Amino acid sequence: MATKEKSVWFCTNCGNEYSKWLGQCPACKEWNTLVEKTVATGKAPKAAAAASRSGGHAPQPLREVGSAQDRRILLGNAEVDRLLGGGLVEGSLVLLGGEPGIGKSTLSLQLPLGAPGLKTLYVSGEESARQVKMRADRLGGDASNCFIYSETCIERILAEAQQMNPDLVVVDSVQTMYSENVDSSAGSVTQVKEVTSLLLHFAKSTGIPVLLIGHITKDGTIAGPKILEHIVDVVLQFEGDDKGSYRLLRSIKNRFGSTSELAVFEMTGAGLREVTNPSEMLMPMHEEGLSGTAVAAMLDGLRPFLFEVQALVSTAAYGTAQRSATGFDVRRLNMLLAVLEKRAGFKLNMKDVFLNMAGGLRVADPACDLAVVCAVLSSNFDFPIPSDVCFAGEVGLSGEIRPVSQPSRRVQEAARLGFRKIYLSKYTSLDKEATGGIQVVKVADIPALVRAVFKG
């Protein structure tokens, strides 16, 4: 049967395919995201089906399937290895995303330079070999076993990888690659799907892991069709302000490990440095006796760490009070200020309130509510909170302080860092053995919190 061509409509947001144009994508509900593409039909699907029948395996009972652990490859970076669940699994396809300039290319080059025992093929579609060499000289490390290949055609890349047989393949980035079998420009929905599918087939058939770098949109999601994230085995995403020094590497999807892990890096002149204990670097770095600061015991996934919340409350210079939050949801800040006014009687409606999460962190844990409230009240009263006191609690709309998840982890982290006292919800159940010598103060609502913290 001869190959035929037809026009189909792809959604640039989710990658779903339709036979005609629609104003709104029925799958993701986005408007004006469908673009027309020409695809080949007929012979290719039949050939693919025949190849699948000839090379497939017969069904077998589940009880007869082996349960041996997948062999993992250590990358020489303790934080990345921990985030992956103990190393890179053979034949896995890992997608690394993040904003421009946040450190994706730096980390992807730093890994082979830090693991000279791995024969690595580094494919760059965005930079020349000379540009990659300049970055490698700045990062340092052993480049004797790292091979640079500046190419954008995926067929040539896979041919070189087959011949070279490396231990690791790094592709920077998927949006710059194209396949000769698809008649569209690089970065289009069709090209991204085809390139990723070819890389997945290469990784699974050869057992060579592939690290794939992807761009993100202005909304903070991985650019390209949503099916890209479904195809790959692991999705890692960089977070943080590219103007700041700290970067958070978060596991969004992991078929071989937990997605409740978080790695913290510090951007230096020599590349990304692992921060094995982020709590110590996010602690207060100022003199005692300053008002408007409070320490929150946060839990990101399964990793607890403590950081400083900074607030500034001043009389509004203009008629309308300003509300500004860096690293914290400003809508939640407005809710907490409304609770303070309605349930505790603090008149903050005519005062400017500025909030900042130290270290450039973006906080989503509701346990930080208590520290935000205390930092705001500390600045409003000009009453400093001792630096060896921390907070972990969620504030409800009625002014009650609600318990948070896994309080023992937060308490143990605070005790390990030398904190003297931690404030929790009255309704928190905590074993005495989990306190680790720290004083636990339980409060029921905002008025009780104010009496306990600001009684002096």
Foldseek 3Di string as FASTA:
>chain_A
DDKDKDKWKAFQAAGDIGRDDDQADPPPRDGPRIDIFMDIDDPVVVVVVVVCVVPDDDDDDPVPDDDDAFDFDAQQDVQVCVQQPRHHGFLFEEEEEEAPLQAPVLVVLLSCQNVVVWQEEEEAQPDDPVVSVVLCVQQDGDCPRYHYHHDAELVVVLVVCVVVVTQEYEYHAQQSHAYPNGPDHRNAQVRSVVSLVVSSVSRNVSRRYYYHYFYADPVQHTGGHSVSVVSGAWYWYWDFDSVFFKIKIFTPHHNNHDRQGIWMWGQDSNGTHGDPAVQVVQADDDDPLFALKAKAFDGRRNDTHIHIKGKAKAFDPDAFAAQEEQLEPSVVVVLLVVLCCPQVNDPRRRIHMYIYTPRRHRDDFQQCSVRNNRSHVRNVVVPHFGSLEHEGFHADNNFWTHAGPPVLNSQQNSVVVPRAEYEGAPPDDDDPVSNNNHHYHHDTGDVRVCCVGVVD
